[in-house]
Protein backbone atom coordinates (compact mmCIF):
# COMPACT_ATOMS: atom_id res chain seq x y z
CA UNK A 1 19.78 1.97 -31.90
CA UNK A 2 20.91 -0.61 -34.47
CA UNK A 3 21.98 -4.25 -34.23
CA UNK A 4 25.35 -4.80 -35.93
CA UNK A 5 26.06 -8.44 -35.16
CA UNK A 6 26.49 -11.25 -32.64
CA UNK A 7 29.24 -12.74 -30.49
CA UNK A 8 28.83 -16.25 -29.10
CA UNK A 9 30.68 -15.87 -25.82
CA UNK A 10 29.45 -13.41 -23.17
CA UNK A 11 32.94 -12.58 -21.87
CA UNK A 12 34.14 -11.71 -25.35
CA UNK A 13 30.96 -9.74 -26.05
CA UNK A 14 31.43 -7.66 -22.90
CA UNK A 15 35.09 -7.11 -23.74
CA UNK A 16 34.16 -5.90 -27.22
CA UNK A 17 31.50 -3.61 -25.78
CA UNK A 18 34.07 -2.09 -23.42
CA UNK A 19 36.48 -1.72 -26.34
CA UNK A 20 33.82 0.17 -28.30
CA UNK A 21 33.41 2.49 -25.32
CA UNK A 22 37.16 3.17 -25.36
CA UNK A 23 36.78 4.13 -29.03
CA UNK A 24 34.00 6.57 -28.19
CA UNK A 25 31.19 4.38 -29.57
CA UNK A 26 28.20 3.87 -27.29
CA UNK A 27 26.91 0.31 -27.34
CA UNK A 28 24.59 -2.10 -25.60
CA UNK A 29 25.15 -5.85 -25.16
CA UNK A 30 22.02 -8.02 -24.87
CA UNK A 31 21.54 -11.77 -24.70
CA UNK A 32 20.00 -13.07 -27.92
CA UNK A 33 17.19 -15.58 -28.24
CA UNK A 34 19.54 -18.29 -29.51
CA UNK A 35 21.99 -17.95 -26.61
CA UNK A 36 24.48 -15.68 -28.34
CA UNK A 37 25.06 -11.99 -27.52
CA UNK A 38 23.73 -9.11 -29.60
CA UNK A 39 25.84 -5.99 -30.22
CA UNK A 40 23.72 -2.83 -30.47
CA UNK A 41 25.02 0.61 -31.45
CA UNK A 42 23.19 3.61 -29.99
CA UNK A 43 24.30 6.23 -32.52
CA UNK A 44 23.66 5.55 -36.23
CA UNK A 45 26.62 7.77 -37.14
CA UNK A 46 28.93 5.17 -35.58
CA UNK A 47 27.50 2.17 -37.45
CA UNK A 48 30.15 1.82 -40.15
CA UNK A 49 33.05 2.19 -37.72
CA UNK A 50 31.49 -0.28 -35.28
CA UNK A 51 30.86 -2.87 -38.01
CA UNK A 52 34.47 -2.60 -39.16
CA UNK A 53 35.71 -3.04 -35.60
CA UNK A 54 33.43 -6.06 -35.10
CA UNK A 55 34.78 -7.69 -38.24
CA UNK A 56 38.31 -7.24 -36.94
CA UNK A 57 37.32 -8.63 -33.56
CA UNK A 58 35.84 -11.77 -35.12
CA UNK A 59 39.12 -12.30 -37.00
CA UNK A 60 41.39 -11.84 -33.96
CA UNK A 61 39.32 -11.82 -30.74
CA UNK A 62 42.42 -12.33 -28.55
CA UNK A 63 44.31 -9.35 -29.97
CA UNK A 64 45.78 -7.52 -26.92
CA UNK A 65 44.42 -4.16 -28.12
CA UNK A 66 40.86 -5.27 -27.25
CA UNK A 67 41.78 -6.17 -23.68
CA UNK A 68 43.79 -2.95 -23.30
CA UNK A 69 40.95 -0.83 -24.67
CA UNK A 70 38.41 -2.60 -22.46
CA UNK A 71 40.52 -2.01 -19.36
CA UNK A 72 40.85 1.67 -20.24
CA UNK A 73 37.05 1.96 -20.67
CA UNK A 74 36.39 0.25 -17.32
CA UNK A 75 38.87 2.53 -15.56
CA UNK A 76 37.26 5.59 -17.19
CA UNK A 77 33.79 4.52 -16.03
CA UNK A 78 35.04 4.05 -12.47
CA UNK A 79 36.50 7.56 -12.48
CA UNK A 80 33.22 8.96 -13.81
CA UNK A 81 31.23 7.11 -11.16
CA UNK A 82 33.44 8.51 -8.42
CA UNK A 83 33.09 12.01 -9.83
CA UNK A 84 29.30 11.64 -10.03
CA UNK A 85 29.21 10.35 -6.47
CA UNK A 86 31.17 13.37 -5.24
CA UNK A 87 28.99 15.78 -7.22
CA UNK A 88 25.82 14.26 -5.77
CA UNK A 89 27.16 14.83 -2.27
CA UNK A 90 27.85 18.46 -3.12
CA UNK A 91 24.76 19.13 -5.22
CA UNK A 92 21.59 17.28 -4.21
CA UNK A 93 19.22 19.22 -6.46
CA UNK A 94 18.06 16.10 -8.30
CA UNK A 95 17.57 12.46 -7.29
CA UNK A 96 18.54 11.21 -10.75
CA UNK A 97 21.88 10.46 -12.39
CA UNK A 98 21.29 12.61 -15.44
CA UNK A 99 21.43 16.42 -15.40
CA UNK A 100 18.17 18.17 -14.66
CA UNK A 101 15.87 18.68 -17.64
CA UNK A 102 13.26 21.40 -18.18
CA UNK A 103 9.80 20.91 -16.74
CA UNK A 104 7.23 19.83 -19.33
CA UNK A 105 3.79 21.36 -19.67
CA UNK A 106 1.95 18.21 -18.59
CA UNK A 107 4.08 17.80 -15.48
CA UNK A 108 3.43 21.43 -14.51
CA UNK A 109 -0.30 21.03 -15.25
CA UNK A 110 -0.59 17.93 -13.05
CA UNK A 111 1.10 19.73 -10.17
CA UNK A 112 -1.07 22.84 -10.56
CA UNK A 113 -4.30 20.85 -10.73
CA UNK A 114 -3.29 18.80 -7.68
CA UNK A 115 -2.56 21.95 -5.68
CA UNK A 116 -5.77 23.64 -6.87
CA UNK A 117 -7.92 20.63 -5.94
CA UNK A 118 -6.21 20.32 -2.55
CA UNK A 119 -6.87 23.98 -1.78
CA UNK A 120 -10.44 23.94 -3.12
CA UNK A 121 -11.41 20.80 -1.21
CA UNK A 122 -9.63 22.17 1.89
CA UNK A 123 -7.67 18.92 2.10
CA UNK A 124 -10.89 16.89 2.19
CA UNK A 125 -12.80 19.12 4.60
CA UNK A 126 -15.09 20.26 1.78
CA UNK A 127 -16.98 16.97 1.76
CA UNK A 128 -19.49 17.67 -1.05
CA UNK A 129 -16.72 18.54 -3.54
CA UNK A 130 -14.42 15.78 -2.29
CA UNK A 131 -17.15 13.18 -2.82
CA UNK A 132 -17.60 14.41 -6.41
CA UNK A 133 -13.95 13.59 -7.12
CA UNK A 134 -13.92 10.16 -5.48
CA UNK A 135 -14.66 7.00 -7.44
CA UNK A 136 -18.15 6.82 -5.98
CA UNK A 137 -20.30 8.81 -3.55
CA UNK A 138 -20.15 7.75 0.08
CA UNK A 139 -22.63 8.57 2.82
CA UNK A 140 -22.72 8.45 6.59
CA UNK A 141 -25.31 6.15 8.12
CA UNK A 142 -25.10 6.35 11.87
CA UNK A 143 -21.60 5.28 12.89
CA UNK A 144 -20.78 3.82 9.48
CA UNK A 145 -19.77 5.09 6.04
CA UNK A 146 -21.46 3.25 3.18
CA UNK A 147 -21.11 3.34 -0.60
CA UNK A 148 -22.22 1.56 -3.76
CA UNK A 149 -19.54 -0.96 -4.74
CA UNK A 150 -20.81 -1.32 -8.31
CA UNK A 151 -19.27 1.83 -9.86
CA UNK A 152 -22.75 3.31 -10.23
CA UNK A 153 -21.72 6.86 -11.13
CA UNK A 154 -19.05 5.70 -13.58
CA UNK A 155 -21.54 3.45 -15.34
CA UNK A 156 -23.81 6.49 -15.62
CA UNK A 157 -21.12 8.39 -17.53
CA UNK A 158 -19.06 10.07 -14.79
CA UNK A 159 -15.89 8.49 -16.15
CA UNK A 160 -13.63 11.15 -14.63
CA UNK A 161 -14.12 9.52 -11.23
CA UNK A 162 -11.70 6.76 -12.25
CA UNK A 163 -8.88 9.33 -12.43
CA UNK A 164 -9.73 12.30 -10.19
CA UNK A 165 -8.85 10.64 -6.85
CA UNK A 166 -5.20 11.22 -7.80
CA UNK A 167 -5.73 14.98 -7.32
CA UNK A 168 -7.10 14.64 -3.76
CA UNK A 169 -4.63 15.20 -0.92
CA UNK A 170 -5.50 15.35 2.76
CA UNK A 171 -2.55 17.10 4.45
CA UNK A 172 0.43 19.28 3.61
CA UNK A 173 3.04 16.51 3.82
CA UNK A 174 0.86 14.30 1.63
CA UNK A 175 0.80 16.72 -1.30
CA UNK A 176 4.35 18.03 -0.77
CA UNK A 177 5.86 14.54 -0.88
CA UNK A 178 3.87 13.51 -3.96
CA UNK A 179 4.50 16.73 -5.90
CA UNK A 180 8.26 16.60 -5.33
CA UNK A 181 8.39 13.09 -6.77
CA UNK A 182 6.02 13.96 -9.61
CA UNK A 183 8.16 16.98 -10.50
CA UNK A 184 11.29 14.89 -11.04
CA UNK A 185 9.75 11.71 -12.46
CA UNK A 186 7.29 13.53 -14.72
CA UNK A 187 9.79 15.91 -16.22
CA UNK A 188 12.40 13.30 -17.18
CA UNK A 189 9.76 11.06 -18.79
CA UNK A 190 8.19 14.00 -20.60
CA UNK A 191 11.59 15.26 -21.77
CA UNK A 192 12.85 11.92 -23.10
CA UNK A 193 9.62 10.10 -24.02
CA UNK A 194 7.20 12.89 -24.82
CA UNK A 195 4.06 14.41 -23.37
CA UNK A 196 1.68 11.86 -24.88
CA UNK A 197 3.55 8.90 -23.40
CA UNK A 198 3.56 10.56 -19.98
CA UNK A 199 -0.18 11.25 -20.29
CA UNK A 200 -0.84 7.62 -21.22
CA UNK A 201 1.24 6.44 -18.28
CA UNK A 202 -0.47 8.75 -15.78
CA UNK A 203 -4.01 7.91 -16.89
CA UNK A 204 -3.39 4.15 -17.06
CA UNK A 205 -1.57 3.96 -13.73
CA UNK A 206 -4.07 6.27 -11.99
CA UNK A 207 -7.08 4.39 -13.33
CA UNK A 208 -5.86 0.91 -12.43
CA UNK A 209 -4.38 1.85 -9.04
CA UNK A 210 -7.51 3.80 -8.06
CA UNK A 211 -9.80 0.93 -8.99
CA UNK A 212 -7.58 -1.53 -7.09
CA UNK A 213 -7.67 0.63 -3.97
CA UNK A 214 -11.43 1.13 -4.23
CA UNK A 215 -12.10 -2.59 -4.54
CA UNK A 216 -9.81 -3.21 -1.58
CA UNK A 217 -11.08 -0.61 0.85
CA UNK A 218 -13.74 1.68 -0.59
CA UNK A 219 -13.66 5.27 -1.90
CA UNK A 220 -12.10 7.05 1.10
CA UNK A 221 -8.65 7.61 -0.40
CA UNK A 222 -6.79 10.01 -2.64
CA UNK A 223 -3.38 11.15 -3.76
CA UNK A 224 -0.83 10.96 -6.55
CA UNK A 225 1.31 8.34 -4.82
CA UNK A 226 -0.02 5.41 -6.86
CA UNK A 227 0.98 7.29 -10.01
CA UNK A 228 4.36 8.21 -8.47
CA UNK A 229 5.14 4.57 -7.67
CA UNK A 230 4.11 3.63 -11.20
CA UNK A 231 6.28 6.28 -12.85
CA UNK A 232 9.19 5.25 -10.66
CA UNK A 233 8.73 1.61 -11.67
CA UNK A 234 8.64 2.62 -15.34
CA UNK A 235 11.82 4.71 -15.12
CA UNK A 236 13.55 1.98 -13.12
CA UNK A 237 12.88 -0.70 -15.75
CA UNK A 238 13.76 1.58 -18.66
CA UNK A 239 17.08 2.51 -17.08
CA UNK A 240 17.86 -1.12 -16.29
CA UNK A 241 16.86 -2.72 -19.60
CA UNK A 242 16.91 0.13 -22.15
CA UNK A 243 19.93 2.42 -21.71
CA UNK A 244 19.02 4.26 -24.91
CA UNK A 245 15.93 5.64 -23.16
CA UNK A 246 18.14 8.07 -21.17
CA UNK A 247 15.97 7.35 -18.12
CA UNK A 248 18.03 6.50 -15.05
CA UNK A 249 17.57 6.26 -11.30
CA UNK A 250 20.20 6.31 -8.61
CA UNK A 251 20.33 3.05 -6.70
CA UNK A 252 19.62 4.82 -3.41
CA UNK A 253 16.43 6.29 -4.90
CA UNK A 254 15.09 2.82 -5.71
CA UNK A 255 16.09 1.51 -2.28
CA UNK A 256 14.43 4.45 -0.55
CA UNK A 257 11.11 3.95 -2.36
CA UNK A 258 11.12 0.20 -1.69
CA UNK A 259 11.76 0.83 2.00
CA UNK A 260 9.08 3.54 2.07
CA UNK A 261 6.58 1.16 0.46
CA UNK A 262 7.06 -1.39 3.25
CA UNK A 263 7.06 1.28 5.97
CA UNK A 264 3.63 2.36 4.71
CA UNK A 265 2.43 -1.24 4.99
CA UNK A 266 3.18 -1.25 8.72
CA UNK A 267 0.69 1.55 9.40
CA UNK A 268 3.28 3.61 11.29
CA UNK A 269 2.67 6.63 9.05
CA UNK A 270 -1.11 6.49 9.38
CA UNK A 271 -3.80 5.47 6.87
CA UNK A 272 -2.17 4.91 3.47
CA UNK A 273 -3.57 3.67 0.14
CA UNK A 274 -1.20 0.71 0.03
CA UNK A 275 -3.14 -1.14 -2.64
CA UNK A 276 -2.86 1.90 -4.92
CA UNK A 277 0.89 2.00 -4.26
CA UNK A 278 1.31 -1.67 -5.09
CA UNK A 279 -0.94 -1.66 -8.16
CA UNK A 280 0.70 1.49 -9.51
CA UNK A 281 4.18 0.05 -9.05
CA UNK A 282 3.25 -3.20 -10.79
CA UNK A 283 1.72 -1.37 -13.77
CA UNK A 284 4.76 0.90 -14.14
CA UNK A 285 7.28 -1.93 -13.80
CA UNK A 286 5.47 -4.10 -16.36
CA UNK A 287 5.08 -1.21 -18.80
CA UNK A 288 8.72 -0.18 -18.49
CA UNK A 289 10.01 -3.75 -18.80
CA UNK A 290 7.83 -4.71 -21.77
CA UNK A 291 8.56 -1.45 -23.58
CA UNK A 292 12.30 -1.99 -23.08
CA UNK A 293 12.13 -5.53 -24.44
CA UNK A 294 9.72 -4.88 -27.34
CA UNK A 295 11.01 -1.46 -28.40
CA UNK A 296 14.55 -1.14 -26.97
CA UNK A 297 15.48 1.87 -29.10
CA UNK A 298 12.51 4.01 -27.96
């Protein structure tokens, strides 16, 4: 994505952006630091044509052809949105606007490990193994469960405990829900951003959300949902502020997850690691927003 110039007035900048769309040139209009509007071109092959069109626009910004082209682009987008809406009603195979992409190796590996751990721990019934995968060991003393709040095992070198709670799931619906979301979120990030970026996201979100939940309510939690909320927040911000990322969410997907987050807070669905959900979402949103602003072409 390349910056080709500036237009002072937002209305004119938007009109020129729509005109570029009518000419088959993908663009992005962003507010500049000095109050003007930046014109970005997504495809380097279109740079020369776009620069020539911008020069002409600066010379005659009120030329009727720009308004006509902009109106045609807006009408075309509305037709595409209607077609996409109809296709989503007919084909609900994916929750995202873009066509499905192949599953990446890391996404598949995360799902397989989660399923394997869930089966091996018998959804938490295998207490000795489950305790080995929690942030710290817990023990039953009479009617109470106690634990060391000082990260004793991690300080002794068992660093995996920061991350492994994400693989623990305690019922069928718990793992099914999380794996379905991980399948879609993981594969689009891995396809468009790469395996290493997805790995960095998963480890960072898992580590911070797990620690937040532990500090809030102890080690008796598990699940991939903190990571899922984080990945969703990342994709949401990238789609909103960095169209070149090719990461997009349907509006109803975002609304559903926001509603689900607050439903979990009520306790109606049973014990839920709400702090992990919140911390994961914050990490993902901040990462996605900052990445979009600092590196908009990536």
